[in-house]
Amino acid sequence: SSGINAEYGTAAMSYILLAVSSTVSAVGTLANSVSLSYFTRSTEKSLSRKLFILLNTFDLLVCFSVLLTVVFFFCTGSVCGGDKFPFRASFALYDLSIETTAYATCLLGAVRVVSVCLPFHHINKKAVLVITVVFLCTEVFRLLFRFYIFYGNIGLLPGYIKFDNAAMIALLTVFVPVNCVCCGLLVWELMV
């Protein structure tokens, strides 16, 4: 009897998760599409406008990738499940878009604070662009590295053959300092 209840509860939760993620994806897609169309049609050439376009673009990717991730996790078939490539690819897209959305939100906040607190300060747009490109490159490289560890079946360190442990160690030793340097350069560029 408890096995039947557990199976029913798991099936019900999968339907609820699919319904909620579909609703969030639909509403998010609509809202971000309207916002993106506004900022792309705007004639203003400010840094904030470009950052809003970046933010809306990756928010749209979040909406799309979260729905794909849930669908590939709960669907039935040979390409479904948490250990299959379509799920991993959609989750990687979700991870990339969430990280970039957070980055764009923080960068937009910093630019707006500097604009309000120091109204005559000129922010170097090229420096912000270079730092953003470095951030995006590290994020894409991080995702490719995670795929290589998972699908290449390599163990970088003895005893850490599992995907998550090897990826975590590699990320902490390589990408955290790169992101710290990027953040430091950004703060320095915004404030100097």
N, C-alpha and C. Protein backbone atom coordinates (compact mmCIF):
# COMPACT_ATOMS: atom_id res chain seq x y z
N SER A 1 0.82 -1.19 0.00
CA SER A 1 0.00 0.00 0.00
C SER A 1 0.87 1.26 0.00
N SER A 2 1.96 1.25 0.79
CA SER A 2 2.80 2.44 0.84
C SER A 2 3.57 2.62 -0.47
N GLY A 3 3.90 1.50 -1.16
CA GLY A 3 4.56 1.59 -2.45
C GLY A 3 3.68 2.25 -3.49
N ILE A 4 2.41 1.94 -3.47
CA ILE A 4 1.47 2.56 -4.41
C ILE A 4 1.33 4.04 -4.12
N ASN A 5 1.25 4.40 -2.84
CA ASN A 5 1.15 5.81 -2.47
C ASN A 5 2.40 6.58 -2.87
N ALA A 6 3.59 5.96 -2.72
CA ALA A 6 4.84 6.62 -3.09
C ALA A 6 4.90 6.84 -4.59
N GLU A 7 4.48 5.83 -5.37
CA GLU A 7 4.47 5.98 -6.83
C GLU A 7 3.47 7.05 -7.26
N TYR A 8 2.30 7.06 -6.63
CA TYR A 8 1.29 8.06 -6.95
C TYR A 8 1.79 9.46 -6.58
N GLY A 9 2.45 9.57 -5.43
CA GLY A 9 2.98 10.87 -5.00
C GLY A 9 4.07 11.37 -5.93
N THR A 10 4.94 10.48 -6.39
CA THR A 10 5.99 10.88 -7.32
C THR A 10 5.40 11.31 -8.65
N ALA A 11 4.43 10.58 -9.15
CA ALA A 11 3.78 10.95 -10.42
C ALA A 11 3.06 12.28 -10.28
N ALA A 12 2.38 12.47 -9.16
CA ALA A 12 1.66 13.73 -8.94
C ALA A 12 2.64 14.90 -8.86
N MET A 13 3.76 14.69 -8.18
CA MET A 13 4.76 15.76 -8.07
C MET A 13 5.36 16.11 -9.43
N SER A 14 5.55 15.10 -10.28
CA SER A 14 6.10 15.38 -11.60
C SER A 14 5.12 16.20 -12.43
N TYR A 15 3.83 15.90 -12.32
CA TYR A 15 2.82 16.70 -13.04
C TYR A 15 2.74 18.12 -12.49
N ILE A 16 2.83 18.25 -11.18
CA ILE A 16 2.79 19.58 -10.57
C ILE A 16 4.01 20.39 -10.99
N LEU A 17 5.19 19.77 -10.95
CA LEU A 17 6.41 20.46 -11.35
C LEU A 17 6.36 20.86 -12.82
N LEU A 18 5.86 19.98 -13.66
CA LEU A 18 5.73 20.29 -15.08
C LEU A 18 4.74 21.43 -15.30
N ALA A 19 3.61 21.42 -14.58
CA ALA A 19 2.61 22.48 -14.72
C ALA A 19 3.15 23.82 -14.24
N VAL A 20 3.82 23.82 -13.09
CA VAL A 20 4.37 25.07 -12.56
C VAL A 20 5.47 25.61 -13.46
N SER A 21 6.39 24.74 -13.90
CA SER A 21 7.47 25.22 -14.76
C SER A 21 6.93 25.69 -16.11
N SER A 22 5.88 25.04 -16.61
CA SER A 22 5.27 25.50 -17.87
C SER A 22 4.63 26.87 -17.70
N THR A 23 3.95 27.07 -16.58
CA THR A 23 3.32 28.37 -16.32
C THR A 23 4.36 29.46 -16.16
N VAL A 24 5.39 29.19 -15.37
CA VAL A 24 6.46 30.18 -15.16
C VAL A 24 7.16 30.47 -16.48
N SER A 25 7.40 29.44 -17.28
CA SER A 25 8.06 29.64 -18.58
C SER A 25 7.19 30.48 -19.51
N ALA A 26 5.90 30.21 -19.54
CA ALA A 26 5.00 30.97 -20.42
C ALA A 26 4.92 32.43 -20.01
N VAL A 27 4.72 32.68 -18.73
CA VAL A 27 4.63 34.06 -18.24
C VAL A 27 5.97 34.78 -18.40
N GLY A 28 7.05 34.10 -18.07
CA GLY A 28 8.38 34.69 -18.21
C GLY A 28 8.72 34.99 -19.66
N THR A 29 8.36 34.09 -20.56
CA THR A 29 8.61 34.32 -21.99
C THR A 29 7.84 35.53 -22.49
N LEU A 30 6.59 35.63 -22.10
CA LEU A 30 5.77 36.78 -22.52
C LEU A 30 6.33 38.09 -21.96
N ALA A 31 6.61 38.12 -20.67
CA ALA A 31 7.11 39.35 -20.04
C ALA A 31 8.47 39.76 -20.60
N ASN A 32 9.37 38.81 -20.75
CA ASN A 32 10.69 39.15 -21.26
C ASN A 32 10.67 39.49 -22.73
N SER A 33 9.76 38.91 -23.50
CA SER A 33 9.63 39.27 -24.91
C SER A 33 9.15 40.71 -25.07
N VAL A 34 8.18 41.10 -24.25
CA VAL A 34 7.70 42.49 -24.29
C VAL A 34 8.81 43.44 -23.89
N SER A 35 9.51 43.12 -22.82
CA SER A 35 10.61 43.97 -22.36
C SER A 35 11.74 44.04 -23.39
N LEU A 36 12.07 42.90 -23.97
CA LEU A 36 13.14 42.87 -24.98
C LEU A 36 12.76 43.66 -26.22
N SER A 37 11.50 43.57 -26.64
CA SER A 37 11.08 44.34 -27.81
C SER A 37 11.12 45.84 -27.51
N TYR A 38 10.81 46.22 -26.28
CA TYR A 38 10.88 47.64 -25.92
C TYR A 38 12.32 48.15 -26.00
N PHE A 39 13.25 47.39 -25.40
CA PHE A 39 14.64 47.86 -25.36
C PHE A 39 15.33 47.76 -26.72
N THR A 40 14.94 46.82 -27.56
CA THR A 40 15.57 46.75 -28.89
C THR A 40 15.04 47.84 -29.82
N ARG A 41 13.81 48.29 -29.60
CA ARG A 41 13.25 49.37 -30.44
C ARG A 41 13.66 50.75 -29.95
N SER A 42 14.14 50.84 -28.72
CA SER A 42 14.52 52.13 -28.15
C SER A 42 15.70 52.72 -28.91
N THR A 43 15.68 54.02 -29.08
CA THR A 43 16.78 54.70 -29.78
C THR A 43 17.89 55.13 -28.83
N GLU A 44 17.66 55.00 -27.56
CA GLU A 44 18.65 55.37 -26.56
C GLU A 44 19.86 54.44 -26.69
N LYS A 45 21.05 54.97 -26.59
CA LYS A 45 22.28 54.19 -26.75
C LYS A 45 23.05 54.06 -25.44
N SER A 46 22.36 53.92 -24.34
CA SER A 46 23.01 53.88 -23.05
C SER A 46 23.51 52.47 -22.71
N LEU A 47 24.41 52.40 -21.76
CA LEU A 47 24.92 51.13 -21.27
C LEU A 47 23.81 50.34 -20.58
N SER A 48 22.94 51.03 -19.86
CA SER A 48 21.82 50.36 -19.18
C SER A 48 20.91 49.66 -20.17
N ARG A 49 20.65 50.29 -21.31
CA ARG A 49 19.80 49.67 -22.33
C ARG A 49 20.43 48.37 -22.82
N LYS A 50 21.72 48.39 -23.09
CA LYS A 50 22.41 47.18 -23.57
C LYS A 50 22.40 46.09 -22.50
N LEU A 51 22.54 46.49 -21.25
CA LEU A 51 22.51 45.50 -20.17
C LEU A 51 21.10 44.93 -19.99
N PHE A 52 20.08 45.74 -20.19
CA PHE A 52 18.71 45.22 -20.13
C PHE A 52 18.46 44.23 -21.27
N ILE A 53 19.01 44.50 -22.44
CA ILE A 53 18.88 43.55 -23.56
C ILE A 53 19.57 42.23 -23.21
N LEU A 54 20.77 42.32 -22.65
CA LEU A 54 21.48 41.10 -22.22
C LEU A 54 20.67 40.35 -21.17
N LEU A 55 20.15 41.07 -20.20
CA LEU A 55 19.36 40.46 -19.13
C LEU A 55 18.10 39.80 -19.67
N ASN A 56 17.36 40.49 -20.54
CA ASN A 56 16.13 39.92 -21.10
C ASN A 56 16.41 38.71 -21.98
N THR A 57 17.50 38.75 -22.73
CA THR A 57 17.85 37.62 -23.59
C THR A 57 18.12 36.37 -22.76
N PHE A 58 18.91 36.51 -21.71
CA PHE A 58 19.22 35.34 -20.89
C PHE A 58 18.06 34.95 -19.99
N ASP A 59 17.19 35.88 -19.64
CA ASP A 59 15.95 35.50 -18.94
C ASP A 59 15.05 34.66 -19.84
N LEU A 60 15.00 34.99 -21.13
CA LEU A 60 14.25 34.15 -22.07
C LEU A 60 14.86 32.75 -22.15
N LEU A 61 16.18 32.68 -22.15
CA LEU A 61 16.84 31.37 -22.15
C LEU A 61 16.55 30.58 -20.88
N VAL A 62 16.44 31.28 -19.75
CA VAL A 62 16.07 30.61 -18.50
C VAL A 62 14.69 29.98 -18.65
N CYS A 63 13.74 30.75 -19.16
CA CYS A 63 12.37 30.24 -19.32
C CYS A 63 12.33 29.03 -20.24
N PHE A 64 13.06 29.10 -21.33
CA PHE A 64 13.08 28.00 -22.29
C PHE A 64 13.80 26.78 -21.72
N SER A 65 14.94 26.98 -21.10
CA SER A 65 15.75 25.85 -20.65
C SER A 65 15.16 25.16 -19.41
N VAL A 66 14.47 25.89 -18.55
CA VAL A 66 13.87 25.25 -17.38
C VAL A 66 12.75 24.31 -17.81
N LEU A 67 12.00 24.73 -18.80
CA LEU A 67 10.94 23.85 -19.31
C LEU A 67 11.53 22.61 -19.97
N LEU A 68 12.57 22.78 -20.79
CA LEU A 68 13.23 21.63 -21.40
C LEU A 68 13.82 20.68 -20.36
N THR A 69 14.44 21.25 -19.34
CA THR A 69 15.05 20.43 -18.29
C THR A 69 14.02 19.56 -17.60
N VAL A 70 12.90 20.14 -17.23
CA VAL A 70 11.85 19.38 -16.54
C VAL A 70 11.25 18.33 -17.48
N VAL A 71 11.01 18.70 -18.73
CA VAL A 71 10.44 17.75 -19.69
C VAL A 71 11.39 16.57 -19.90
N PHE A 72 12.68 16.83 -20.11
CA PHE A 72 13.63 15.73 -20.34
C PHE A 72 13.84 14.89 -19.09
N PHE A 73 13.66 15.47 -17.93
CA PHE A 73 13.83 14.69 -16.71
C PHE A 73 12.67 13.72 -16.49
N PHE A 74 11.45 14.19 -16.73
CA PHE A 74 10.28 13.37 -16.42
C PHE A 74 9.68 12.60 -17.60
N CYS A 75 10.14 12.84 -18.82
CA CYS A 75 9.55 12.13 -19.95
C CYS A 75 9.97 10.66 -19.93
N THR A 76 9.29 9.88 -20.72
CA THR A 76 9.64 8.47 -20.83
C THR A 76 10.21 8.21 -22.21
N GLY A 77 11.21 7.38 -22.28
CA GLY A 77 11.83 7.06 -23.55
C GLY A 77 13.33 6.91 -23.40
N SER A 78 13.99 6.66 -24.51
CA SER A 78 15.42 6.37 -24.46
C SER A 78 16.27 7.62 -24.23
N VAL A 79 15.74 8.81 -24.50
CA VAL A 79 16.52 10.04 -24.31
C VAL A 79 16.17 10.76 -23.02
N CYS A 80 15.37 10.13 -22.18
CA CYS A 80 14.87 10.79 -20.98
C CYS A 80 15.63 10.34 -19.74
N GLY A 81 15.59 11.18 -18.73
CA GLY A 81 16.20 10.86 -17.46
C GLY A 81 17.35 11.79 -17.14
N GLY A 82 17.70 11.83 -15.86
CA GLY A 82 18.72 12.75 -15.38
C GLY A 82 20.13 12.45 -15.84
N ASP A 83 20.39 11.23 -16.31
CA ASP A 83 21.74 10.89 -16.74
C ASP A 83 21.91 10.89 -18.26
N LYS A 84 20.90 11.32 -18.99
CA LYS A 84 20.94 11.33 -20.46
C LYS A 84 21.39 12.69 -20.98
N PHE A 85 21.91 12.68 -22.20
CA PHE A 85 22.47 13.89 -22.80
C PHE A 85 21.47 15.04 -22.95
N PRO A 86 20.23 14.81 -23.43
CA PRO A 86 19.31 15.95 -23.58
C PRO A 86 19.03 16.67 -22.26
N PHE A 87 18.90 15.89 -21.17
CA PHE A 87 18.70 16.53 -19.87
C PHE A 87 19.93 17.33 -19.47
N ARG A 88 21.11 16.73 -19.61
CA ARG A 88 22.35 17.43 -19.25
C ARG A 88 22.55 18.69 -20.09
N ALA A 89 22.23 18.62 -21.39
CA ALA A 89 22.40 19.79 -22.26
C ALA A 89 21.42 20.90 -21.88
N SER A 90 20.16 20.54 -21.62
CA SER A 90 19.19 21.56 -21.23
C SER A 90 19.51 22.14 -19.87
N PHE A 91 20.02 21.29 -18.96
CA PHE A 91 20.42 21.80 -17.64
C PHE A 91 21.64 22.70 -17.76
N ALA A 92 22.56 22.37 -18.67
CA ALA A 92 23.74 23.23 -18.89
C ALA A 92 23.31 24.59 -19.44
N LEU A 93 22.36 24.60 -20.37
CA LEU A 93 21.83 25.86 -20.88
C LEU A 93 21.15 26.66 -19.78
N TYR A 94 20.41 25.96 -18.93
CA TYR A 94 19.77 26.61 -17.78
C TYR A 94 20.83 27.20 -16.85
N ASP A 95 21.87 26.43 -16.56
CA ASP A 95 22.94 26.89 -15.67
C ASP A 95 23.63 28.12 -16.25
N LEU A 96 23.96 28.08 -17.53
CA LEU A 96 24.60 29.22 -18.18
C LEU A 96 23.71 30.45 -18.15
N SER A 97 22.42 30.27 -18.44
CA SER A 97 21.52 31.42 -18.49
C SER A 97 21.26 31.99 -17.10
N ILE A 98 21.17 31.13 -16.08
CA ILE A 98 20.98 31.63 -14.71
C ILE A 98 22.21 32.42 -14.25
N GLU A 99 23.40 31.88 -14.50
CA GLU A 99 24.63 32.58 -14.11
C GLU A 99 24.74 33.93 -14.82
N THR A 100 24.42 33.96 -16.10
CA THR A 100 24.54 35.21 -16.85
C THR A 100 23.45 36.20 -16.46
N THR A 101 22.26 35.71 -16.13
CA THR A 101 21.21 36.59 -15.65
C THR A 101 21.61 37.24 -14.33
N ALA A 102 22.19 36.44 -13.43
CA ALA A 102 22.66 37.00 -12.16
C ALA A 102 23.77 38.02 -12.39
N TYR A 103 24.69 37.70 -13.28
CA TYR A 103 25.78 38.63 -13.60
C TYR A 103 25.23 39.93 -14.18
N ALA A 104 24.31 39.82 -15.15
CA ALA A 104 23.75 41.01 -15.78
C ALA A 104 22.96 41.85 -14.78
N THR A 105 22.26 41.20 -13.87
CA THR A 105 21.50 41.93 -12.85
C THR A 105 22.44 42.70 -11.93
N CYS A 106 23.50 42.05 -11.47
CA CYS A 106 24.48 42.74 -10.59
C CYS A 106 25.18 43.86 -11.34
N LEU A 107 25.57 43.61 -12.58
CA LEU A 107 26.25 44.63 -13.36
C LEU A 107 25.33 45.82 -13.62
N LEU A 108 24.08 45.54 -13.95
CA LEU A 108 23.11 46.61 -14.16
C LEU A 108 22.91 47.42 -12.88
N GLY A 109 22.82 46.75 -11.75
CA GLY A 109 22.69 47.45 -10.47
C GLY A 109 23.89 48.33 -10.18
N ALA A 110 25.09 47.81 -10.43
CA ALA A 110 26.30 48.60 -10.18
C ALA A 110 26.36 49.81 -11.10
N VAL A 111 26.03 49.64 -12.37
CA VAL A 111 26.05 50.75 -13.32
C VAL A 111 25.03 51.81 -12.93
N ARG A 112 23.86 51.38 -12.50
CA ARG A 112 22.82 52.36 -12.12
C ARG A 112 23.18 53.08 -10.83
N VAL A 113 23.80 52.39 -9.88
CA VAL A 113 24.24 53.05 -8.64
C VAL A 113 25.30 54.09 -8.95
N VAL A 114 26.27 53.74 -9.79
CA VAL A 114 27.30 54.72 -10.17
C VAL A 114 26.66 55.89 -10.90
N SER A 115 25.71 55.63 -11.78
CA SER A 115 25.06 56.70 -12.53
C SER A 115 24.28 57.65 -11.62
N VAL A 116 23.67 57.10 -10.56
CA VAL A 116 22.89 57.94 -9.65
C VAL A 116 23.81 58.68 -8.67
N CYS A 117 24.77 57.95 -8.11
CA CYS A 117 25.65 58.55 -7.08
C CYS A 117 26.70 59.48 -7.68
N LEU A 118 27.16 59.15 -8.87
CA LEU A 118 28.17 59.97 -9.54
C LEU A 118 27.64 60.34 -10.94
N PRO A 119 26.72 61.30 -11.01
CA PRO A 119 26.04 61.57 -12.30
C PRO A 119 26.97 62.06 -13.41
N PHE A 120 28.12 62.62 -13.09
CA PHE A 120 29.02 63.13 -14.12
C PHE A 120 30.15 62.16 -14.44
N HIS A 121 30.15 61.00 -13.80
CA HIS A 121 31.18 60.00 -14.05
C HIS A 121 30.88 59.26 -15.35
N HIS A 122 31.90 59.14 -16.20
CA HIS A 122 31.74 58.41 -17.46
C HIS A 122 32.23 56.99 -17.28
N ILE A 123 31.35 56.04 -17.49
CA ILE A 123 31.70 54.63 -17.37
C ILE A 123 32.24 54.17 -18.73
N ASN A 124 33.41 53.55 -18.70
CA ASN A 124 34.04 53.07 -19.92
C ASN A 124 33.29 51.82 -20.42
N LYS A 125 32.54 51.98 -21.50
CA LYS A 125 31.71 50.88 -22.02
C LYS A 125 32.56 49.75 -22.57
N LYS A 126 33.73 50.08 -23.13
CA LYS A 126 34.59 49.04 -23.68
C LYS A 126 35.13 48.14 -22.57
N ALA A 127 35.46 48.71 -21.44
CA ALA A 127 35.95 47.91 -20.32
C ALA A 127 34.86 46.99 -19.79
N VAL A 128 33.64 47.51 -19.71
CA VAL A 128 32.51 46.67 -19.27
C VAL A 128 32.27 45.55 -20.27
N LEU A 129 32.39 45.87 -21.57
CA LEU A 129 32.22 44.84 -22.60
C LEU A 129 33.29 43.76 -22.49
N VAL A 130 34.54 44.15 -22.30
CA VAL A 130 35.63 43.18 -22.19
C VAL A 130 35.42 42.28 -20.97
N ILE A 131 35.05 42.86 -19.85
CA ILE A 131 34.82 42.08 -18.64
C ILE A 131 33.64 41.13 -18.82
N THR A 132 32.59 41.59 -19.50
CA THR A 132 31.43 40.74 -19.76
C THR A 132 31.80 39.59 -20.69
N VAL A 133 32.59 39.86 -21.71
CA VAL A 133 33.02 38.80 -22.62
C VAL A 133 33.89 37.79 -21.88
N VAL A 134 34.77 38.25 -21.01
CA VAL A 134 35.59 37.32 -20.21
C VAL A 134 34.70 36.47 -19.31
N PHE A 135 33.71 37.09 -18.70
CA PHE A 135 32.78 36.33 -17.86
C PHE A 135 32.05 35.26 -18.68
N LEU A 136 31.51 35.64 -19.83
CA LEU A 136 30.80 34.68 -20.68
C LEU A 136 31.71 33.56 -21.15
N CYS A 137 32.94 33.89 -21.50
CA CYS A 137 33.90 32.85 -21.93
C CYS A 137 34.20 31.88 -20.79
N THR A 138 34.38 32.38 -19.58
CA THR A 138 34.64 31.47 -18.46
C THR A 138 33.42 30.60 -18.17
N GLU A 139 32.23 31.15 -18.32
CA GLU A 139 31.02 30.35 -18.10
C GLU A 139 30.87 29.25 -19.15
N VAL A 140 31.09 29.59 -20.41
CA VAL A 140 30.98 28.60 -21.47
C VAL A 140 32.07 27.54 -21.30
N PHE A 141 33.29 27.96 -21.00
CA PHE A 141 34.38 27.00 -20.78
C PHE A 141 34.07 26.09 -19.59
N ARG A 142 33.50 26.65 -18.56
CA ARG A 142 33.13 25.85 -17.38
C ARG A 142 32.12 24.78 -17.75
N LEU A 143 31.13 25.14 -18.55
CA LEU A 143 30.13 24.16 -18.96
C LEU A 143 30.73 23.09 -19.87
N LEU A 144 31.60 23.49 -20.78
CA LEU A 144 32.26 22.51 -21.64
C LEU A 144 33.15 21.57 -20.82
N PHE A 145 33.81 22.11 -19.83
CA PHE A 145 34.66 21.31 -18.95
C PHE A 145 33.82 20.30 -18.17
N ARG A 146 32.66 20.72 -17.69
CA ARG A 146 31.77 19.80 -16.97
C ARG A 146 31.29 18.68 -17.89
N PHE A 147 30.96 19.02 -19.13
CA PHE A 147 30.56 17.99 -20.08
C PHE A 147 31.71 17.02 -20.36
N TYR A 148 32.91 17.55 -20.48
CA TYR A 148 34.08 16.70 -20.74
C TYR A 148 34.31 15.74 -19.58
N ILE A 149 34.18 16.23 -18.37
CA ILE A 149 34.36 15.36 -17.21
C ILE A 149 33.27 14.29 -17.18
N PHE A 150 32.04 14.69 -17.43
CA PHE A 150 30.93 13.74 -17.31
C PHE A 150 30.92 12.73 -18.45
N TYR A 151 31.05 13.21 -19.68
CA TYR A 151 30.93 12.31 -20.82
C TYR A 151 32.25 11.71 -21.26
N GLY A 152 33.37 12.29 -20.83
CA GLY A 152 34.67 11.73 -21.18
C GLY A 152 35.09 10.59 -20.26
N ASN A 153 34.34 10.39 -19.16
CA ASN A 153 34.63 9.34 -18.19
C ASN A 153 36.07 9.41 -17.71
N ILE A 154 36.52 10.60 -17.41
CA ILE A 154 37.88 10.72 -16.90
C ILE A 154 37.81 11.06 -15.43
N GLY A 155 38.79 10.65 -14.71
CA GLY A 155 38.92 11.02 -13.31
C GLY A 155 40.14 11.90 -13.18
N LEU A 156 39.96 13.17 -12.95
CA LEU A 156 41.11 14.07 -12.86
C LEU A 156 41.94 13.83 -11.61
N LEU A 157 41.28 13.47 -10.54
CA LEU A 157 41.99 13.20 -9.29
C LEU A 157 41.57 11.83 -8.77
N PRO A 158 42.50 11.05 -8.24
CA PRO A 158 42.11 9.73 -7.72
C PRO A 158 41.05 9.87 -6.63
N GLY A 159 40.02 9.08 -6.73
CA GLY A 159 38.94 9.12 -5.74
C GLY A 159 37.88 10.17 -6.03
N TYR A 160 38.08 10.96 -7.06
CA TYR A 160 37.10 12.00 -7.41
C TYR A 160 36.61 11.79 -8.84
N ILE A 161 36.24 10.58 -9.15
CA ILE A 161 35.79 10.26 -10.49
C ILE A 161 34.37 10.77 -10.72
N LYS A 162 33.63 10.94 -9.66
CA LYS A 162 32.27 11.45 -9.83
C LYS A 162 32.30 12.83 -10.47
N PHE A 163 31.33 13.08 -11.31
CA PHE A 163 31.21 14.33 -12.06
C PHE A 163 31.21 15.56 -11.16
N ASP A 164 30.38 15.55 -10.14
CA ASP A 164 30.21 16.74 -9.32
C ASP A 164 31.47 17.09 -8.52
N ASN A 165 32.14 16.09 -7.96
CA ASN A 165 33.34 16.36 -7.16
C ASN A 165 34.47 16.92 -8.01
N ALA A 166 34.73 16.30 -9.16
CA ALA A 166 35.80 16.77 -10.03
C ALA A 166 35.50 18.17 -10.56
N ALA A 167 34.25 18.39 -10.95
CA ALA A 167 33.88 19.71 -11.46
C ALA A 167 34.01 20.77 -10.38
N MET A 168 33.59 20.43 -9.16
CA MET A 168 33.67 21.39 -8.07
C MET A 168 35.13 21.77 -7.77
N ILE A 169 36.01 20.80 -7.72
CA ILE A 169 37.42 21.09 -7.45
C ILE A 169 38.02 21.94 -8.56
N ALA A 170 37.72 21.58 -9.82
CA ALA A 170 38.25 22.35 -10.94
C ALA A 170 37.72 23.78 -10.93
N LEU A 171 36.44 23.93 -10.62
CA LEU A 171 35.85 25.27 -10.60
C LEU A 171 36.46 26.13 -9.51
N LEU A 172 36.64 25.55 -8.35
CA LEU A 172 37.18 26.33 -7.23
C LEU A 172 38.61 26.75 -7.48
N THR A 173 39.39 25.91 -8.15
CA THR A 173 40.80 26.24 -8.34
C THR A 173 41.06 27.11 -9.55
N VAL A 174 40.17 27.10 -10.53
CA VAL A 174 40.42 27.85 -11.76
C VAL A 174 39.50 29.05 -11.93
N PHE A 175 38.20 28.84 -11.84
CA PHE A 175 37.27 29.87 -12.26
C PHE A 175 36.93 30.88 -11.19
N VAL A 176 37.02 30.52 -9.94
CA VAL A 176 36.75 31.50 -8.88
C VAL A 176 37.76 32.64 -8.93
N PRO A 177 39.07 32.37 -9.05
CA PRO A 177 40.00 33.50 -9.17
C PRO A 177 39.76 34.35 -10.42
N VAL A 178 39.41 33.70 -11.54
CA VAL A 178 39.14 34.47 -12.76
C VAL A 178 37.95 35.39 -12.55
N ASN A 179 36.89 34.88 -11.96
CA ASN A 179 35.72 35.72 -11.71
C ASN A 179 36.01 36.81 -10.68
N CYS A 180 36.83 36.52 -9.69
CA CYS A 180 37.21 37.56 -8.72
C CYS A 180 38.00 38.67 -9.39
N VAL A 181 38.92 38.31 -10.28
CA VAL A 181 39.69 39.33 -11.00
C VAL A 181 38.75 40.16 -11.88
N CYS A 182 37.82 39.50 -12.57
CA CYS A 182 36.86 40.23 -13.40
C CYS A 182 36.03 41.20 -12.56
N CYS A 183 35.57 40.74 -11.40
CA CYS A 183 34.78 41.62 -10.52
C CYS A 183 35.63 42.78 -10.02
N GLY A 184 36.86 42.50 -9.66
CA GLY A 184 37.76 43.57 -9.21
C GLY A 184 38.00 44.59 -10.30
N LEU A 185 38.25 44.12 -11.52
CA LEU A 185 38.45 45.05 -12.64
C LEU A 185 37.20 45.87 -12.91
N LEU A 186 36.05 45.24 -12.81
CA LEU A 186 34.80 45.95 -13.03
C LEU A 186 34.59 47.04 -11.99
N VAL A 187 34.78 46.70 -10.74
CA VAL A 187 34.64 47.70 -9.68
C VAL A 187 35.63 48.83 -9.87
N TRP A 188 36.88 48.49 -10.20
CA TRP A 188 37.90 49.51 -10.42
C TRP A 188 37.50 50.40 -11.59
N GLU A 189 37.01 49.81 -12.68
CA GLU A 189 36.64 50.60 -13.86
C GLU A 189 35.42 51.48 -13.56
N LEU A 190 34.47 50.97 -12.81
CA LEU A 190 33.29 51.77 -12.51
C LEU A 190 33.61 52.93 -11.58
N MET A 191 34.56 52.73 -10.69
CA MET A 191 34.84 53.75 -9.67
C MET A 191 35.96 54.72 -10.05
N VAL A 192 36.81 54.38 -11.00
CA VAL A 192 37.93 55.26 -11.35
C VAL A 192 37.52 56.26 -12.39
